[in-house]
Protein backbone atom coordinates (compact mmCIF):
# COMPACT_ATOMS: atom_id res chain seq x y z
CA UNK A 1 -0.06 0.15 -0.35
CA UNK A 2 2.63 2.45 -1.08
CA UNK A 3 1.06 4.43 -3.05
CA UNK A 4 0.26 8.67 -2.16
CA UNK A 5 -2.44 9.98 -3.50
CA UNK A 6 -3.23 13.64 -2.55
CA UNK A 7 -6.65 14.28 -0.81
CA UNK A 8 -8.25 15.43 -3.76
CA UNK A 9 -7.70 12.16 -5.96
CA UNK A 10 -8.67 9.69 -2.27
CA UNK A 11 -11.56 12.35 -2.50
CA UNK A 12 -13.07 11.03 -5.90
CA UNK A 13 -12.13 7.38 -5.31
CA UNK A 14 -14.41 7.64 -2.36
CA UNK A 15 -17.26 8.84 -4.12
CA UNK A 16 -16.93 7.17 -7.31
CA UNK A 17 -17.00 4.11 -4.54
CA UNK A 18 -20.17 5.49 -2.97
CA UNK A 19 -22.52 6.60 -6.45
CA UNK A 20 -21.81 2.99 -7.81
CA UNK A 21 -23.26 1.75 -4.78
CA UNK A 22 -26.19 3.92 -4.72
CA UNK A 23 -27.15 3.23 -8.08
CA UNK A 24 -26.64 -0.25 -8.11
CA UNK A 25 -28.87 -0.18 -4.71
CA UNK A 26 -31.51 1.97 -6.15
CA UNK A 27 -32.25 -0.36 -9.03
CA UNK A 28 -31.68 -3.35 -6.85
CA UNK A 29 -34.68 -1.32 -4.93
CA UNK A 30 -36.79 -0.27 -8.17
CA UNK A 31 -37.21 -3.91 -9.38
CA UNK A 32 -38.55 -4.57 -6.71
CA UNK A 33 -41.16 -1.87 -6.61
CA UNK A 34 -41.42 -2.20 -9.34
CA UNK A 35 -42.83 -5.98 -8.97
CA UNK A 36 -44.59 -4.57 -5.65
CA UNK A 37 -46.57 -2.14 -8.03
CA UNK A 38 -48.06 -5.03 -10.04
CA UNK A 39 -49.04 -7.40 -7.38
CA UNK A 40 -49.24 -5.08 -4.33
CA UNK A 41 -49.71 -1.90 -3.78
CA UNK A 42 -49.47 0.33 -6.25
CA UNK A 43 -47.42 3.88 -3.94
CA UNK A 44 -45.09 0.95 -2.86
CA UNK A 45 -42.07 3.24 -5.10
CA UNK A 46 -43.84 6.39 -3.85
CA UNK A 47 -42.65 5.32 -0.34
CA UNK A 48 -39.92 4.09 -1.03
CA UNK A 49 -38.57 6.91 -2.66
CA UNK A 50 -39.62 9.55 -0.49
CA UNK A 51 -37.21 7.95 2.52
CA UNK A 52 -34.76 8.95 -0.66
CA UNK A 53 -36.43 12.19 0.26
CA UNK A 54 -37.86 12.92 -3.88
CA UNK A 55 -41.92 12.91 -4.12
CA UNK A 56 -41.79 10.53 -7.51
CA UNK A 57 -45.40 10.76 -9.16
CA UNK A 58 -45.69 7.71 -11.91
CA UNK A 59 -49.13 6.51 -13.54
CA UNK A 60 -47.99 2.47 -13.38
CA UNK A 61 -45.29 -0.08 -12.78
CA UNK A 62 -43.83 0.63 -16.21
CA UNK A 63 -43.75 4.29 -15.86
CA UNK A 64 -42.41 4.02 -12.53
CA UNK A 65 -39.14 2.73 -13.41
CA UNK A 66 -38.33 5.62 -16.69
CA UNK A 67 -39.29 8.10 -13.73
CA UNK A 68 -37.24 6.00 -11.37
CA UNK A 69 -34.21 5.51 -13.88
CA UNK A 70 -34.42 8.74 -15.56
CA UNK A 71 -36.85 11.24 -14.36
CA UNK A 72 -35.99 15.00 -13.04
CA UNK A 73 -35.33 13.99 -8.84
CA UNK A 74 -31.96 13.96 -7.38
CA UNK A 75 -31.39 10.25 -7.30
CA UNK A 76 -31.98 9.36 -11.56
CA UNK A 77 -30.14 6.97 -12.33
CA UNK A 78 -28.39 8.74 -14.74
CA UNK A 79 -27.67 11.90 -12.89
CA UNK A 80 -25.50 9.51 -10.68
CA UNK A 81 -23.49 7.12 -12.87
CA UNK A 82 -22.52 10.28 -14.21
CA UNK A 83 -21.60 11.70 -10.90
CA UNK A 84 -19.43 7.93 -10.77
CA UNK A 85 -18.14 9.06 -13.87
CA UNK A 86 -16.50 12.42 -13.28
CA UNK A 87 -15.45 10.66 -10.37
CA UNK A 88 -13.62 7.83 -11.81
CA UNK A 89 -12.35 10.75 -15.05
CA UNK A 90 -10.18 13.11 -12.32
CA UNK A 91 -9.37 9.40 -10.38
CA UNK A 92 -8.10 7.80 -13.81
CA UNK A 93 -4.38 7.58 -13.06
CA UNK A 94 -5.07 5.58 -10.25
CA UNK A 95 -8.09 2.88 -11.30
CA UNK A 96 -7.88 -0.43 -13.06
CA UNK A 97 -7.70 0.85 -17.05
CA UNK A 98 -10.78 -2.02 -17.56
CA UNK A 99 -13.10 -0.83 -14.28
CA UNK A 100 -12.05 2.53 -16.55
CA UNK A 101 -12.85 1.79 -19.01
CA UNK A 102 -16.19 -0.29 -17.95
CA UNK A 103 -17.18 2.42 -16.26
CA UNK A 104 -17.37 5.03 -18.98
CA UNK A 105 -19.21 2.31 -21.12
CA UNK A 106 -22.09 1.73 -19.08
CA UNK A 107 -22.58 6.10 -18.03
CA UNK A 108 -22.89 6.70 -22.27
CA UNK A 109 -24.91 3.17 -22.39
CA UNK A 110 -27.37 5.11 -20.25
CA UNK A 111 -26.52 7.71 -21.25
CA UNK A 112 -27.68 7.49 -25.08
CA UNK A 113 -30.84 5.68 -23.35
CA UNK A 114 -32.64 8.21 -21.72
CA UNK A 115 -34.50 9.21 -24.82
CA UNK A 116 -37.96 10.19 -24.03
CA UNK A 117 -38.52 6.67 -26.71
CA UNK A 118 -36.82 4.95 -24.45
CA UNK A 119 -39.13 1.96 -22.35
CA UNK A 120 -36.65 1.30 -18.98
CA UNK A 121 -37.64 -2.51 -18.56
CA UNK A 122 -36.07 -5.29 -15.43
CA UNK A 123 -34.43 -6.83 -18.72
CA UNK A 124 -32.23 -3.93 -19.32
CA UNK A 125 -32.00 -3.35 -15.07
CA UNK A 126 -30.70 -6.56 -15.23
CA UNK A 127 -28.10 -5.76 -17.51
CA UNK A 128 -27.71 -3.27 -15.77
CA UNK A 129 -26.80 -4.05 -12.78
CA UNK A 130 -24.32 -6.74 -15.14
CA UNK A 131 -22.26 -4.29 -15.44
CA UNK A 132 -22.08 -3.28 -12.68
CA UNK A 133 -21.11 -6.28 -10.95
CA UNK A 134 -18.42 -6.76 -14.20
CA UNK A 135 -17.11 -3.51 -12.59
CA UNK A 136 -16.79 -4.75 -8.82
CA UNK A 137 -14.89 -7.40 -9.54
CA UNK A 138 -12.18 -6.16 -12.98
CA UNK A 139 -11.63 -3.47 -9.73
CA UNK A 140 -10.87 -6.25 -6.93
CA UNK A 141 -9.59 -9.21 -8.87
CA UNK A 142 -5.56 -7.50 -7.46
CA UNK A 143 -3.71 -9.97 -5.30
CA UNK A 144 -2.08 -6.97 -3.94
CA UNK A 145 -4.27 -3.49 -3.16
CA UNK A 146 -3.16 0.35 -2.99
CA UNK A 147 -4.15 2.38 -1.26
CA UNK A 148 -6.41 3.91 -4.15
CA UNK A 149 -8.73 0.17 -4.09
CA UNK A 150 -9.35 1.33 -0.33
CA UNK A 151 -11.13 4.24 -0.57
CA UNK A 152 -13.26 2.73 -3.40
CA UNK A 153 -14.28 -0.22 -0.72
CA UNK A 154 -14.70 2.54 2.15
CA UNK A 155 -17.11 4.20 -0.34
CA UNK A 156 -19.00 1.14 -1.24
CA UNK A 157 -19.08 0.62 1.88
CA UNK A 158 -20.63 3.51 3.36
CA UNK A 159 -23.27 4.32 1.17
CA UNK A 160 -24.41 1.07 1.63
CA UNK A 161 -24.73 1.91 5.34
CA UNK A 162 -26.25 5.18 4.19
CA UNK A 163 -28.39 3.45 1.83
CA UNK A 164 -29.63 0.79 4.05
CA UNK A 165 -30.44 3.02 7.02
CA UNK A 166 -31.91 5.44 4.93
CA UNK A 167 -34.06 2.98 3.51
CA UNK A 168 -35.26 1.68 7.56
CA UNK A 169 -33.80 -1.86 7.05
CA UNK A 170 -32.75 -3.53 10.17
CA UNK A 171 -29.12 -2.01 12.08
CA UNK A 172 -27.40 -5.11 13.14
CA UNK A 173 -26.71 -5.43 9.12
CA UNK A 174 -25.36 -1.76 8.91
CA UNK A 175 -23.22 -2.20 12.01
CA UNK A 176 -21.62 -5.52 10.69
CA UNK A 177 -20.81 -3.41 7.74
CA UNK A 178 -19.72 -0.37 10.06
CA UNK A 179 -17.25 -2.98 11.52
CA UNK A 180 -15.74 -3.56 7.96
CA UNK A 181 -15.38 -0.34 7.48
CA UNK A 182 -13.09 0.46 10.74
CA UNK A 183 -11.16 -2.12 9.65
CA UNK A 184 -10.06 -0.08 6.29
CA UNK A 185 -9.71 2.93 8.30
CA UNK A 186 -7.04 1.43 10.88
CA UNK A 187 -5.40 0.31 8.21
CA UNK A 188 -5.68 3.95 6.41
CA UNK A 189 -5.12 5.75 9.38
CA UNK A 190 -3.81 3.78 12.28
CA UNK A 191 -3.01 6.42 15.03
CA UNK A 192 -6.55 7.95 13.94
CA UNK A 193 -8.94 7.71 17.26
CA UNK A 194 -13.07 6.74 17.01
CA UNK A 195 -15.92 6.01 19.37
CA UNK A 196 -17.44 3.25 18.46
CA UNK A 197 -20.90 2.40 18.39
CA UNK A 198 -23.69 0.32 19.22
CA UNK A 199 -27.17 -1.32 17.91
CA UNK A 200 -28.71 2.10 20.54
CA UNK A 201 -27.57 4.25 18.41
CA UNK A 202 -29.88 6.80 15.83
CA UNK A 203 -29.76 6.75 12.46
CA UNK A 204 -27.62 9.14 13.17
CA UNK A 205 -25.39 8.54 15.18
CA UNK A 206 -23.49 6.26 13.22
CA UNK A 207 -23.43 8.03 10.17
CA UNK A 208 -22.20 11.06 11.87
CA UNK A 209 -19.55 8.38 13.66
CA UNK A 210 -19.12 7.35 9.46
CA UNK A 211 -18.62 10.98 8.76
CA UNK A 212 -16.13 11.40 10.97
CA UNK A 213 -13.82 8.99 10.40
CA UNK A 214 -13.74 9.78 6.46
CA UNK A 215 -12.90 13.66 7.59
CA UNK A 216 -9.69 12.53 9.37
CA UNK A 217 -8.80 10.61 6.81
CA UNK A 218 -9.64 12.68 3.53
CA UNK A 219 -9.20 16.15 4.90
CA UNK A 220 -6.84 15.70 7.61
CA UNK A 221 -5.09 12.54 6.61
């Protein structure tokens, strides 16, 4: 882990990991709520996006998918993957070449699919999810990890905690992920000291704990 990173590159690697994880998690949830809209609850998609701070309006399940992916709101997948692409471009020299190429390919696919005549279906989402899985695989196939790899991994895990808590799933899972975050933090900032967290901590307390650690590593490190 001899690789030296500037704070700017470290920050972009971290946010690349966060945005790619957010895209993946959002797509998985979108497919889940697509099925619920058809079979169980027409408002299921609205309830989900409400937790993401978005008021989503749609007429049916197919309309839900299109608006979820390409709608004019802060959680649309097209925008999120474009942010990941920007982070990747800034961090290009510290990222796996094939993974970088796959990110550009994915961003271009979503951009070209965003025109009004393109109809989203679950097969398209499954294809996008398969491309994201390939990117994660390309990023982790090396036997030896560099500092850049840890920052990407850190972003992925922090987003996993954030997203999981935001949609109000079990806190125990988030605490397990936090343990892995702490392991990476101890590698990147071995002399830093942080408060521990437990199942009694609130959503805000857990995320504040995460953010303090990230700031310590990226801003102060």
